[in-house]
Amino acid sequence: NQAEKSVHQKKEQSKTKCRKARRRHINLVAEFNRRQRKNIWLETHIWHAKRFHMIKKWGYCLADRPTEKSYRACYRAMTKHCLLQDLSYYCCLELKGKENELLKQLARICSPDTGLTFDTDFCLSGRFEGSLDLYRADRYPEDLLGPVTFIWKPRDVSENRQLWIWMHPALKQDILSELKEIFQCSEPEEICIPEPSRTLIEEEKKTDTAVSLGKKRKKEDKDGEKDVPVKKIIGDGTRDPLQPYAWASPATGVVIRDQTMEILRYRLIGPLSHSVLAETLKAAALQTV
């Protein structure tokens, strides 16, 4: 009898732990979210994880080198076709305010002696991206913060302008604190931080309960699968989910917003890059209100 019971228990365990059950959508989401507690995944993580050796740096899980011993495929794509790189781990800070006020304070952290500045004509129009080195306010040529790239949103009817500054995650905290200081953004803007509809612990408990139900789980999941909310990973590798991500200045009227992992960034290299973009992106029809 005892032998029959042990065989019966093993059969039940094998049913609940079969690969199909473990790889159901709700189980995968809970597992993926659990694995991102310390290091955030990029949106292309699954694709890269199957083909690259991954490393954990700057709060992200990034692709380091391909598992293939030959690099000819990447070289061939760069020289003859198109190679895409995911640079979404780069941090993006958005500045919004009056153009004169933005340029007045930004001039303190850069110098025309190094090349381009934020008020260069073809960059200020929003047609081209610029790059420069940032320094602490009024400290050039000392106290270098690091290199950044930037792009302005083209002018519209409004007086306000938007500026996006991209930087390496290792430089983000220093540059962000310097921007908050020169624009006097000491208090966080009153923006509601989106909370997940269910905590990860509760989600894992319900997942375990569903697995323990065995055959009944399938019927319940088919009806309730659409009602199961998916936990959203909030924050990024350089910011805790509960920390503020936007700051406003009552004195200057400038708003600084952390758009890291909200605005994704990809780099296309190769002679067919423009052809790929032209085939991928379709211009939307203009709608007038």
C-alpha atoms as a PDB file:
ATOM      1  CA  ASN A   1       0.000   0.000   0.000  1.00  0.00           C
ATOM      2  CA  GLN A   2       2.757   2.415   0.872  1.00  0.00           C
ATOM      3  CA  ALA A   3       4.481   1.755  -2.426  1.00  0.00           C
ATOM      4  CA  GLU A   4       1.248   2.435  -4.297  1.00  0.00           C
ATOM      5  CA  LYS A   5       0.784   5.712  -2.395  1.00  0.00           C
ATOM      6  CA  SER A   6       4.309   6.885  -3.239  1.00  0.00           C
ATOM      7  CA  VAL A   7       3.775   6.050  -6.918  1.00  0.00           C
ATOM      8  CA  HIS A   8       0.457   7.905  -6.865  1.00  0.00           C
ATOM      9  CA  GLN A   9       2.091  10.984  -5.256  1.00  0.00           C
ATOM     10  CA  LYS A  10       4.863  10.977  -7.830  1.00  0.00           C
ATOM     11  CA  LYS A  11       2.312  10.907 -10.636  1.00  0.00           C
ATOM     12  CA  GLU A  12       0.459  13.865  -9.100  1.00  0.00           C
ATOM     13  CA  GLN A  13       3.697  15.852  -8.748  1.00  0.00           C
ATOM     14  CA  SER A  14       4.680  15.123 -12.315  1.00  0.00           C
ATOM     15  CA  LYS A  15       1.284  16.363 -13.517  1.00  0.00           C
ATOM     16  CA  THR A  16       1.520  19.658 -11.625  1.00  0.00           C
ATOM     17  CA  LYS A  17       5.152  20.242 -12.596  1.00  0.00           C
ATOM     18  CA  CYS A  18       4.948  19.378 -16.267  1.00  0.00           C
ATOM     19  CA  ARG A  19       6.669  21.728 -18.682  1.00  0.00           C
ATOM     20  CA  LYS A  20       3.401  22.938 -20.183  1.00  0.00           C
ATOM     21  CA  ALA A  21       2.112  23.961 -16.749  1.00  0.00           C
ATOM     22  CA  ARG A  22       5.356  25.643 -15.758  1.00  0.00           C
ATOM     23  CA  ARG A  23       5.498  27.647 -18.981  1.00  0.00           C
ATOM     24  CA  ARG A  24       1.960  28.967 -18.856  1.00  0.00           C
ATOM     25  CA  HIS A  25       1.739  32.714 -19.349  1.00  0.00           C
ATOM     26  CA  ILE A  26       0.962  33.598 -15.724  1.00  0.00           C
ATOM     27  CA  ASN A  27       3.815  31.401 -14.477  1.00  0.00           C
ATOM     28  CA  LEU A  28       6.324  32.934 -16.886  1.00  0.00           C
ATOM     29  CA  VAL A  29       5.346  36.500 -15.989  1.00  0.00           C
ATOM     30  CA  ALA A  30       5.721  35.817 -12.271  1.00  0.00           C
ATOM     31  CA  GLU A  31       9.062  34.101 -12.810  1.00  0.00           C
ATOM     32  CA  PHE A  32      10.420  36.813 -15.107  1.00  0.00           C
ATOM     33  CA  ASN A  33       9.396  39.551 -12.673  1.00  0.00           C
ATOM     34  CA  ARG A  34      11.019  37.707  -9.792  1.00  0.00           C
ATOM     35  CA  ARG A  35      14.280  37.447 -11.731  1.00  0.00           C
ATOM     36  CA  GLN A  36      14.271  41.203 -12.378  1.00  0.00           C
ATOM     37  CA  ARG A  37      14.285  42.264  -8.747  1.00  0.00           C
ATOM     38  CA  LYS A  38      17.996  43.139  -8.807  1.00  0.00           C
ATOM     39  CA  ASN A  39      18.779  43.572 -12.507  1.00  0.00           C
ATOM     40  CA  ILE A  40      16.275  44.963 -14.989  1.00  0.00           C
ATOM     41  CA  TRP A  41      15.871  43.265 -18.369  1.00  0.00           C
ATOM     42  CA  LEU A  42      15.742  45.154 -21.631  1.00  0.00           C
ATOM     43  CA  GLU A  43      12.827  44.452 -23.942  1.00  0.00           C
ATOM     44  CA  THR A  44      15.154  42.409 -26.174  1.00  0.00           C
ATOM     45  CA  HIS A  45      16.471  40.349 -23.249  1.00  0.00           C
ATOM     46  CA  ILE A  46      14.855  37.026 -24.224  1.00  0.00           C
ATOM     47  CA  TRP A  47      16.258  37.237 -27.753  1.00  0.00           C
ATOM     48  CA  HIS A  48      19.743  38.095 -26.529  1.00  0.00           C
ATOM     49  CA  ALA A  49      19.735  35.528 -23.706  1.00  0.00           C
ATOM     50  CA  LYS A  50      19.363  32.719 -26.234  1.00  0.00           C
ATOM     51  CA  ARG A  51      22.308  33.890 -28.335  1.00  0.00           C
ATOM     52  CA  PHE A  52      24.679  35.834 -26.047  1.00  0.00           C
ATOM     53  CA  HIS A  53      26.559  35.522 -22.797  1.00  0.00           C
ATOM     54  CA  MET A  54      24.822  37.914 -20.396  1.00  0.00           C
ATOM     55  CA  ILE A  55      26.463  40.104 -17.762  1.00  0.00           C
ATOM     56  CA  LYS A  56      24.989  42.147 -14.908  1.00  0.00           C
ATOM     57  CA  LYS A  57      26.156  45.760 -14.895  1.00  0.00           C
ATOM     58  CA  TRP A  58      24.775  49.112 -13.770  1.00  0.00           C
ATOM     59  CA  GLY A  59      21.548  47.492 -12.576  1.00  0.00           C
ATOM     60  CA  TYR A  60      20.782  45.812 -15.910  1.00  0.00           C
ATOM     61  CA  CYS A  61      21.256  42.389 -17.463  1.00  0.00           C
ATOM     62  CA  LEU A  62      23.089  43.068 -20.726  1.00  0.00           C
ATOM     63  CA  ALA A  63      24.407  41.029 -23.635  1.00  0.00           C
ATOM     64  CA  ASP A  64      28.203  40.827 -23.496  1.00  0.00           C
ATOM     65  CA  ARG A  65      29.388  38.563 -26.317  1.00  0.00           C
ATOM     66  CA  PRO A  66      27.749  36.075 -28.682  1.00  0.00           C
ATOM     67  CA  THR A  67      27.826  32.377 -27.938  1.00  0.00           C
ATOM     68  CA  GLU A  68      28.968  31.698 -31.487  1.00  0.00           C
ATOM     69  CA  LYS A  69      32.706  31.448 -31.954  1.00  0.00           C
ATOM     70  CA  SER A  70      32.524  33.370 -35.225  1.00  0.00           C
ATOM     71  CA  TYR A  71      31.863  37.101 -35.398  1.00  0.00           C
ATOM     72  CA  ARG A  72      31.503  37.096 -39.158  1.00  0.00           C
ATOM     73  CA  ALA A  73      27.717  37.481 -39.079  1.00  0.00           C
ATOM     74  CA  CYS A  74      27.926  40.774 -37.149  1.00  0.00           C
ATOM     75  CA  TYR A  75      30.769  42.043 -39.323  1.00  0.00           C
ATOM     76  CA  ARG A  76      28.881  41.129 -42.496  1.00  0.00           C
ATOM     77  CA  ALA A  77      25.775  42.939 -41.216  1.00  0.00           C
ATOM     78  CA  MET A  78      27.781  46.082 -40.381  1.00  0.00           C
ATOM     79  CA  THR A  79      29.547  46.234 -43.733  1.00  0.00           C
ATOM     80  CA  LYS A  80      26.853  45.042 -46.137  1.00  0.00           C
ATOM     81  CA  HIS A  81      23.468  45.015 -44.426  1.00  0.00           C
ATOM     82  CA  CYS A  82      22.219  46.427 -41.110  1.00  0.00           C
ATOM     83  CA  LEU A  83      23.157  45.715 -37.495  1.00  0.00           C
ATOM     84  CA  LEU A  84      20.848  46.757 -34.637  1.00  0.00           C
ATOM     85  CA  GLN A  85      22.062  47.409 -31.083  1.00  0.00           C
ATOM     86  CA  ASP A  86      19.769  47.852 -28.074  1.00  0.00           C
ATOM     87  CA  LEU A  87      20.986  50.884 -26.117  1.00  0.00           C
ATOM     88  CA  SER A  88      17.891  51.202 -23.937  1.00  0.00           C
ATOM     89  CA  TYR A  89      20.009  50.870 -20.807  1.00  0.00           C
ATOM     90  CA  TYR A  90      21.291  54.392 -21.504  1.00  0.00           C
ATOM     91  CA  CYS A  91      19.525  56.887 -19.244  1.00  0.00           C
ATOM     92  CA  CYS A  92      17.303  59.649 -20.605  1.00  0.00           C
ATOM     93  CA  LEU A  93      16.515  62.865 -18.742  1.00  0.00           C
ATOM     94  CA  GLU A  94      13.825  65.130 -20.159  1.00  0.00           C
ATOM     95  CA  LEU A  95      13.867  68.886 -19.536  1.00  0.00           C
ATOM     96  CA  LYS A  96      10.767  70.937 -20.238  1.00  0.00           C
ATOM     97  CA  GLY A  97      10.464  74.696 -19.891  1.00  0.00           C
ATOM     98  CA  LYS A  98      10.977  78.010 -21.634  1.00  0.00           C
ATOM     99  CA  GLU A  99      13.787  77.957 -24.166  1.00  0.00           C
ATOM    100  CA  ASN A 100      15.584  81.019 -22.780  1.00  0.00           C
ATOM    101  CA  GLU A 101      15.534  79.645 -19.248  1.00  0.00           C
ATOM    102  CA  LEU A 102      16.806  76.255 -20.354  1.00  0.00           C
ATOM    103  CA  LEU A 103      19.664  77.685 -22.425  1.00  0.00           C
ATOM    104  CA  LYS A 104      20.643  80.163 -19.710  1.00  0.00           C
ATOM    105  CA  GLN A 105      21.242  77.456 -17.106  1.00  0.00           C
ATOM    106  CA  LEU A 106      22.571  74.789 -19.476  1.00  0.00           C
ATOM    107  CA  ALA A 107      25.293  77.191 -20.629  1.00  0.00           C
ATOM    108  CA  ARG A 108      26.775  76.916 -17.126  1.00  0.00           C
ATOM    109  CA  ILE A 109      27.557  73.193 -17.457  1.00  0.00           C
ATOM    110  CA  CYS A 110      29.170  73.202 -20.928  1.00  0.00           C
ATOM    111  CA  SER A 111      31.632  75.310 -22.903  1.00  0.00           C
ATOM    112  CA  PRO A 112      31.932  76.304 -26.597  1.00  0.00           C
ATOM    113  CA  ASP A 113      35.655  75.587 -26.317  1.00  0.00           C
ATOM    114  CA  THR A 114      34.898  71.846 -26.392  1.00  0.00           C
ATOM    115  CA  GLY A 115      32.741  71.986 -29.530  1.00  0.00           C
ATOM    116  CA  LEU A 116      28.949  71.922 -29.803  1.00  0.00           C
ATOM    117  CA  THR A 117      26.681  73.401 -27.157  1.00  0.00           C
ATOM    118  CA  PHE A 118      22.961  73.216 -26.479  1.00  0.00           C
ATOM    119  CA  ASP A 119      22.291  76.458 -28.407  1.00  0.00           C
ATOM    120  CA  THR A 120      23.968  75.385 -31.669  1.00  0.00           C
ATOM    121  CA  ASP A 121      21.581  76.363 -34.467  1.00  0.00           C
ATOM    122  CA  PHE A 122      21.150  73.051 -36.270  1.00  0.00           C
ATOM    123  CA  CYS A 123      20.773  71.222 -32.932  1.00  0.00           C
ATOM    124  CA  LEU A 124      18.418  73.804 -31.430  1.00  0.00           C
ATOM    125  CA  SER A 125      16.042  73.388 -34.366  1.00  0.00           C
ATOM    126  CA  GLY A 126      15.566  69.725 -33.443  1.00  0.00           C
ATOM    127  CA  ARG A 127      16.744  68.359 -36.793  1.00  0.00           C
ATOM    128  CA  PHE A 128      20.000  66.816 -35.548  1.00  0.00           C
ATOM    129  CA  GLU A 129      21.353  65.155 -32.438  1.00  0.00           C
ATOM    130  CA  GLY A 130      24.320  66.750 -30.707  1.00  0.00           C
ATOM    131  CA  SER A 131      26.990  65.509 -28.332  1.00  0.00           C
ATOM    132  CA  LEU A 132      29.089  67.334 -25.742  1.00  0.00           C
ATOM    133  CA  ASP A 133      30.864  67.036 -22.396  1.00  0.00           C
ATOM    134  CA  LEU A 134      29.140  68.245 -19.237  1.00  0.00           C
ATOM    135  CA  TYR A 135      30.900  69.890 -16.305  1.00  0.00           C
ATOM    136  CA  ARG A 136      29.765  71.022 -12.909  1.00  0.00           C
ATOM    137  CA  ALA A 137      28.183  74.461 -12.975  1.00  0.00           C
ATOM    138  CA  ASP A 138      30.720  77.232 -13.675  1.00  0.00           C
ATOM    139  CA  ARG A 139      33.636  74.837 -13.128  1.00  0.00           C
ATOM    140  CA  TYR A 140      34.973  74.350 -16.678  1.00  0.00           C
ATOM    141  CA  PRO A 141      37.611  73.038 -17.430  1.00  0.00           C
ATOM    142  CA  GLU A 142      37.591  71.239 -14.062  1.00  0.00           C
ATOM    143  CA  ASP A 143      35.061  68.799 -12.573  1.00  0.00           C
ATOM    144  CA  LEU A 144      34.092  66.919 -15.702  1.00  0.00           C
ATOM    145  CA  LEU A 145      30.808  65.008 -15.334  1.00  0.00           C
ATOM    146  CA  GLY A 146      30.972  63.033 -18.588  1.00  0.00           C
ATOM    147  CA  PRO A 147      29.887  62.889 -22.232  1.00  0.00           C
ATOM    148  CA  VAL A 148      26.206  63.054 -23.213  1.00  0.00           C
ATOM    149  CA  THR A 149      24.106  63.250 -26.364  1.00  0.00           C
ATOM    150  CA  PHE A 150      21.031  65.437 -26.685  1.00  0.00           C
ATOM    151  CA  ILE A 151      18.189  66.241 -29.044  1.00  0.00           C
ATOM    152  CA  TRP A 152      15.615  69.044 -28.957  1.00  0.00           C
ATOM    153  CA  LYS A 153      11.975  68.568 -29.784  1.00  0.00           C
ATOM    154  CA  PRO A 154      11.174  70.815 -32.807  1.00  0.00           C
ATOM    155  CA  ARG A 155       9.454  74.098 -32.040  1.00  0.00           C
ATOM    156  CA  ASP A 156       5.675  74.319 -32.006  1.00  0.00           C
ATOM    157  CA  VAL A 157       3.102  76.946 -31.064  1.00  0.00           C
ATOM    158  CA  SER A 158       3.845  76.640 -27.356  1.00  0.00           C
ATOM    159  CA  GLU A 159       6.597  78.666 -25.686  1.00  0.00           C
ATOM    160  CA  ASN A 160       7.915  75.615 -23.881  1.00  0.00           C
ATOM    161  CA  ARG A 161      10.609  73.388 -25.373  1.00  0.00           C
ATOM    162  CA  GLN A 162      11.527  69.807 -24.615  1.00  0.00           C
ATOM    163  CA  LEU A 163      15.086  68.557 -24.450  1.00  0.00           C
ATOM    164  CA  TRP A 164      16.173  64.929 -24.096  1.00  0.00           C
ATOM    165  CA  ILE A 165      19.647  64.224 -22.708  1.00  0.00           C
ATOM    166  CA  TRP A 166      21.101  60.712 -22.980  1.00  0.00           C
ATOM    167  CA  MET A 167      23.921  59.504 -20.754  1.00  0.00           C
ATOM    168  CA  HIS A 168      25.587  56.344 -19.515  1.00  0.00           C
ATOM    169  CA  PRO A 169      23.914  54.892 -16.393  1.00  0.00           C
ATOM    170  CA  ALA A 170      27.153  55.323 -14.424  1.00  0.00           C
ATOM    171  CA  LEU A 171      26.878  59.107 -14.938  1.00  0.00           C
ATOM    172  CA  LYS A 172      23.173  59.544 -14.324  1.00  0.00           C
ATOM    173  CA  GLN A 173      23.096  60.346 -10.615  1.00  0.00           C
ATOM    174  CA  ASP A 174      25.817  63.008 -10.820  1.00  0.00           C
ATOM    175  CA  ILE A 175      24.284  64.696 -13.871  1.00  0.00           C
ATOM    176  CA  LEU A 176      20.764  64.524 -12.452  1.00  0.00           C
ATOM    177  CA  SER A 177      21.801  66.118  -9.167  1.00  0.00           C
ATOM    178  CA  GLU A 178      23.636  68.890 -11.064  1.00  0.00           C
ATOM    179  CA  LEU A 179      20.600  69.597 -13.251  1.00  0.00           C
ATOM    180  CA  LYS A 180      18.305  69.721 -10.230  1.00  0.00           C
ATOM    181  CA  GLU A 181      20.667  72.178  -8.559  1.00  0.00           C
ATOM    182  CA  ILE A 182      21.046  74.641 -11.447  1.00  0.00           C
ATOM    183  CA  PHE A 183      17.295  74.631 -12.167  1.00  0.00           C
ATOM    184  CA  GLN A 184      16.412  74.735  -8.446  1.00  0.00           C
ATOM    185  CA  CYS A 185      14.306  71.589  -8.631  1.00  0.00           C
ATOM    186  CA  SER A 186      14.424  70.571  -5.006  1.00  0.00           C
ATOM    187  CA  GLU A 187      10.904  69.191  -4.563  1.00  0.00           C
ATOM    188  CA  PRO A 188       9.446  66.320  -6.570  1.00  0.00           C
ATOM    189  CA  GLU A 189       6.619  67.131  -8.906  1.00  0.00           C
ATOM    190  CA  GLU A 190       3.254  65.834  -7.746  1.00  0.00           C
ATOM    191  CA  ILE A 191       2.902  62.892 -10.094  1.00  0.00           C
ATOM    192  CA  CYS A 192       1.194  59.670  -9.099  1.00  0.00           C
ATOM    193  CA  ILE A 193       3.634  56.770  -9.297  1.00  0.00           C
ATOM    194  CA  PRO A 194       1.850  53.832 -10.942  1.00  0.00           C
ATOM    195  CA  GLU A 195       1.633  50.974  -8.488  1.00  0.00           C
ATOM    196  CA  PRO A 196       1.287  47.397  -9.693  1.00  0.00           C
ATOM    197  CA  SER A 197      -2.201  46.015  -9.279  1.00  0.00           C
ATOM    198  CA  ARG A 198      -0.828  43.140  -7.258  1.00  0.00           C
ATOM    199  CA  THR A 199       2.483  42.657  -5.500  1.00  0.00           C
ATOM    200  CA  LEU A 200       4.886  40.050  -6.740  1.00  0.00           C
ATOM    201  CA  ILE A 201       4.537  37.999  -3.557  1.00  0.00           C
ATOM    202  CA  GLU A 202       0.753  37.810  -3.896  1.00  0.00           C
ATOM    203  CA  GLU A 203       1.138  36.906  -7.562  1.00  0.00           C
ATOM    204  CA  GLU A 204       3.555  34.102  -6.770  1.00  0.00           C
ATOM    205  CA  LYS A 205       1.237  32.783  -4.038  1.00  0.00           C
ATOM    206  CA  LYS A 206      -1.708  32.667  -6.437  1.00  0.00           C
ATOM    207  CA  THR A 207       0.488  31.007  -9.038  1.00  0.00           C
ATOM    208  CA  ASP A 208       1.542  28.328  -6.545  1.00  0.00           C
ATOM    209  CA  THR A 209      -2.082  27.845  -5.509  1.00  0.00           C
ATOM    210  CA  ALA A 210      -3.114  27.429  -9.114  1.00  0.00           C
ATOM    211  CA  VAL A 211      -0.401  24.856  -9.681  1.00  0.00           C
ATOM    212  CA  SER A 212      -1.412  22.914  -6.558  1.00  0.00           C
ATOM    213  CA  LEU A 213      -4.987  22.605  -7.780  1.00  0.00           C
ATOM    214  CA  GLY A 214      -3.950  20.206 -10.528  1.00  0.00           C
ATOM    215  CA  LYS A 215      -6.699  19.488 -13.032  1.00  0.00           C
ATOM    216  CA  LYS A 216      -9.030  22.198 -11.662  1.00  0.00           C
ATOM    217  CA  ARG A 217      -6.451  24.845 -12.474  1.00  0.00           C
ATOM    218  CA  LYS A 218      -6.960  24.471 -16.210  1.00  0.00           C
ATOM    219  CA  LYS A 219     -10.684  25.212 -16.059  1.00  0.00           C
ATOM    220  CA  GLU A 220     -10.230  28.189 -13.750  1.00  0.00           C
ATOM    221  CA  ASP A 221      -7.368  29.666 -15.747  1.00  0.00           C
ATOM    222  CA  LYS A 222      -9.215  29.469 -19.047  1.00  0.00           C
ATOM    223  CA  ASP A 223     -12.024  31.591 -17.649  1.00  0.00           C
ATOM    224  CA  GLY A 224      -9.958  33.901 -15.491  1.00  0.00           C
ATOM    225  CA  GLU A 225      -6.743  34.251 -17.459  1.00  0.00           C
ATOM    226  CA  LYS A 226      -7.788  37.575 -19.001  1.00  0.00           C
ATOM    227  CA  ASP A 227      -8.672  38.978 -15.580  1.00  0.00           C
ATOM    228  CA  VAL A 228      -5.223  38.235 -14.145  1.00  0.00           C
ATOM    229  CA  PRO A 229      -3.343  41.562 -14.082  1.00  0.00           C
ATOM    230  CA  VAL A 230       0.252  41.451 -15.246  1.00  0.00           C
ATOM    231  CA  LYS A 231       2.734  43.058 -12.880  1.00  0.00           C
ATOM    232  CA  LYS A 232       4.548  45.991 -14.458  1.00  0.00           C
ATOM    233  CA  ILE A 233       8.215  46.427 -13.626  1.00  0.00           C
ATOM    234  CA  ILE A 234       8.458  50.013 -12.355  1.00  0.00           C
ATOM    235  CA  GLY A 235      11.711  51.924 -12.295  1.00  0.00           C
ATOM    236  CA  ASP A 236      14.983  51.026 -13.933  1.00  0.00           C
ATOM    237  CA  GLY A 237      18.442  49.822 -13.060  1.00  0.00           C
ATOM    238  CA  THR A 238      19.453  53.221 -11.657  1.00  0.00           C
ATOM    239  CA  ARG A 239      16.310  54.134  -9.710  1.00  0.00           C
ATOM    240  CA  ASP A 240      14.231  52.437  -7.047  1.00  0.00           C
ATOM    241  CA  PRO A 241      10.544  52.008  -7.962  1.00  0.00           C
ATOM    242  CA  LEU A 242       9.397  54.099  -4.984  1.00  0.00           C
ATOM    243  CA  GLN A 243      11.694  57.049  -5.716  1.00  0.00           C
ATOM    244  CA  PRO A 244      10.287  60.109  -7.535  1.00  0.00           C
ATOM    245  CA  TYR A 245      10.930  60.351 -11.250  1.00  0.00           C
ATOM    246  CA  ALA A 246       9.953  63.978 -11.904  1.00  0.00           C
ATOM    247  CA  TRP A 247      10.917  67.276 -10.293  1.00  0.00           C
ATOM    248  CA  ALA A 248       9.474  70.761 -10.867  1.00  0.00           C
ATOM    249  CA  SER A 249      10.932  74.165 -10.041  1.00  0.00           C
ATOM    250  CA  PRO A 250       8.495  76.889  -8.930  1.00  0.00           C
ATOM    251  CA  ALA A 251      11.213  79.512  -9.488  1.00  0.00           C
ATOM    252  CA  THR A 252      12.250  78.675 -13.062  1.00  0.00           C
ATOM    253  CA  GLY A 253       9.197  76.690 -14.190  1.00  0.00           C
ATOM    254  CA  VAL A 254      11.430  73.885 -15.495  1.00  0.00           C
ATOM    255  CA  VAL A 255      10.355  70.264 -15.107  1.00  0.00           C
ATOM    256  CA  ILE A 256      12.929  67.467 -15.045  1.00  0.00           C
ATOM    257  CA  ARG A 257      11.600  63.999 -15.765  1.00  0.00           C
ATOM    258  CA  ASP A 258      13.467  60.703 -15.667  1.00  0.00           C
ATOM    259  CA  GLN A 259      12.456  58.860 -18.861  1.00  0.00           C
ATOM    260  CA  THR A 260      14.878  55.958 -18.504  1.00  0.00           C
ATOM    261  CA  MET A 261      13.315  52.737 -19.855  1.00  0.00           C
ATOM    262  CA  GLU A 262      10.298  54.789 -20.939  1.00  0.00           C
ATOM    263  CA  ILE A 263      11.953  56.023 -24.142  1.00  0.00           C
ATOM    264  CA  LEU A 264      13.818  53.136 -25.750  1.00  0.00           C
ATOM    265  CA  ARG A 265      16.919  53.645 -27.870  1.00  0.00           C
ATOM    266  CA  TYR A 266      18.242  51.519 -30.725  1.00  0.00           C
ATOM    267  CA  ARG A 267      21.303  52.057 -32.910  1.00  0.00           C
ATOM    268  CA  LEU A 268      21.371  50.915 -36.521  1.00  0.00           C
ATOM    269  CA  ILE A 269      24.757  50.427 -38.211  1.00  0.00           C
ATOM    270  CA  GLY A 270      25.313  49.547 -41.851  1.00  0.00           C
ATOM    271  CA  PRO A 271      24.650  50.772 -45.395  1.00  0.00           C
ATOM    272  CA  LEU A 272      21.049  49.485 -45.401  1.00  0.00           C
ATOM    273  CA  SER A 273      20.039  51.191 -42.138  1.00  0.00           C
ATOM    274  CA  HIS A 274      17.932  53.850 -43.859  1.00  0.00           C
ATOM    275  CA  SER A 275      16.277  51.230 -46.054  1.00  0.00           C
ATOM    276  CA  VAL A 276      15.330  49.184 -42.991  1.00  0.00           C
ATOM    277  CA  LEU A 277      13.888  52.249 -41.272  1.00  0.00           C
ATOM    278  CA  ALA A 278      11.951  53.247 -44.377  1.00  0.00           C
ATOM    279  CA  GLU A 279      10.422  49.780 -44.622  1.00  0.00           C
ATOM    280  CA  THR A 280       9.713  49.528 -40.886  1.00  0.00           C
ATOM    281  CA  LEU A 281       8.329  52.976 -40.059  1.00  0.00           C
ATOM    282  CA  LYS A 282       5.203  54.198 -41.806  1.00  0.00           C
ATOM    283  CA  ALA A 283       4.242  57.871 -41.645  1.00  0.00           C
ATOM    284  CA  ALA A 284       0.911  58.439 -39.910  1.00  0.00           C
ATOM    285  CA  ALA A 285      -1.785  60.492 -41.572  1.00  0.00           C
ATOM    286  CA  LEU A 286      -2.095  64.009 -40.205  1.00  0.00           C
ATOM    287  CA  GLN A 287      -5.261  64.589 -38.191  1.00  0.00           C
ATOM    288  CA  THR A 288      -6.560  68.091 -37.659  1.00  0.00           C
ATOM    289  CA  VAL A 289      -8.910  68.752 -34.775  1.00  0.00           C
END
